[in-house]
């Protein structure tokens, strides 16, 4: 394998690692939003039940 092919492979590995890190960060961000929305909906549902239970 030539030197330039080795450099390209190394560069591609680094790009893939960076992309994987970005993907993980995005997944965590989406998960955090999903949890927050679920908590808000849950609190709203509990509040609605408490208000209409009397």
Protein backbone atom coordinates (compact mmCIF):
# COMPACT_ATOMS: atom_id res chain seq x y z
CA UNK A 1 0.00 0.00 0.00
CA UNK A 2 1.35 3.42 -0.86
CA UNK A 3 1.87 6.19 1.63
CA UNK A 4 -0.99 8.26 0.22
CA UNK A 5 -3.40 5.32 0.56
CA UNK A 6 -2.37 4.91 4.20
CA UNK A 7 -2.91 8.62 4.80
CA UNK A 8 -6.33 8.46 3.16
CA UNK A 9 -7.32 5.47 5.30
CA UNK A 10 -6.19 7.26 8.46
CA UNK A 11 -8.04 10.42 7.42
CA UNK A 12 -11.19 8.41 6.70
CA UNK A 13 -10.95 6.74 10.13
CA UNK A 14 -10.69 10.14 11.81
CA UNK A 15 -13.67 11.44 9.83
CA UNK A 16 -15.70 8.36 10.80
CA UNK A 17 -14.79 8.78 14.48
CA UNK A 18 -15.79 12.46 14.41
CA UNK A 19 -19.06 11.62 12.69
CA UNK A 20 -19.81 8.90 15.25
CA UNK A 21 -19.17 11.39 18.06
CA UNK A 22 -21.50 13.94 16.45
CA UNK A 23 -24.16 11.26 16.02
CA UNK A 24 -23.90 10.26 19.68
CA UNK A 25 -24.20 13.89 20.79
CA UNK A 26 -27.28 14.33 18.61
CA UNK A 27 -28.84 11.13 19.96
CA UNK A 28 -28.31 12.29 23.55
CA UNK A 29 -29.84 15.66 22.73
CA UNK A 30 -32.91 14.03 21.17
CA UNK A 31 -33.25 11.65 24.13
CA UNK A 32 -33.09 14.54 26.58
CA UNK A 33 -35.86 16.36 24.69
CA UNK A 34 -37.98 13.21 24.58
CA UNK A 35 -37.62 12.71 28.33
CA UNK A 36 -38.45 16.37 29.00
CA UNK A 37 -41.58 16.20 26.82
CA UNK A 38 -42.68 12.97 28.52
CA UNK A 39 -42.24 14.55 31.97
CA UNK A 40 -44.24 17.64 30.96
CA UNK A 41 -47.05 15.49 29.55
CA UNK A 42 -47.01 13.34 32.69
CA UNK A 43 -47.20 16.34 35.01
CA UNK A 44 -50.02 17.82 32.92
CA UNK A 45 -51.94 14.54 33.05
CA UNK A 46 -51.52 14.25 36.83
CA UNK A 47 -52.62 17.88 37.25
CA UNK A 48 -55.67 17.29 35.06
CA UNK A 49 -56.64 14.20 37.07
CA UNK A 50 -56.21 16.05 40.37
CA UNK A 51 -58.30 19.00 39.17
CA UNK A 52 -61.12 16.83 37.84
CA UNK A 53 -61.10 14.34 40.72
CA UNK A 54 -62.90 16.63 43.15
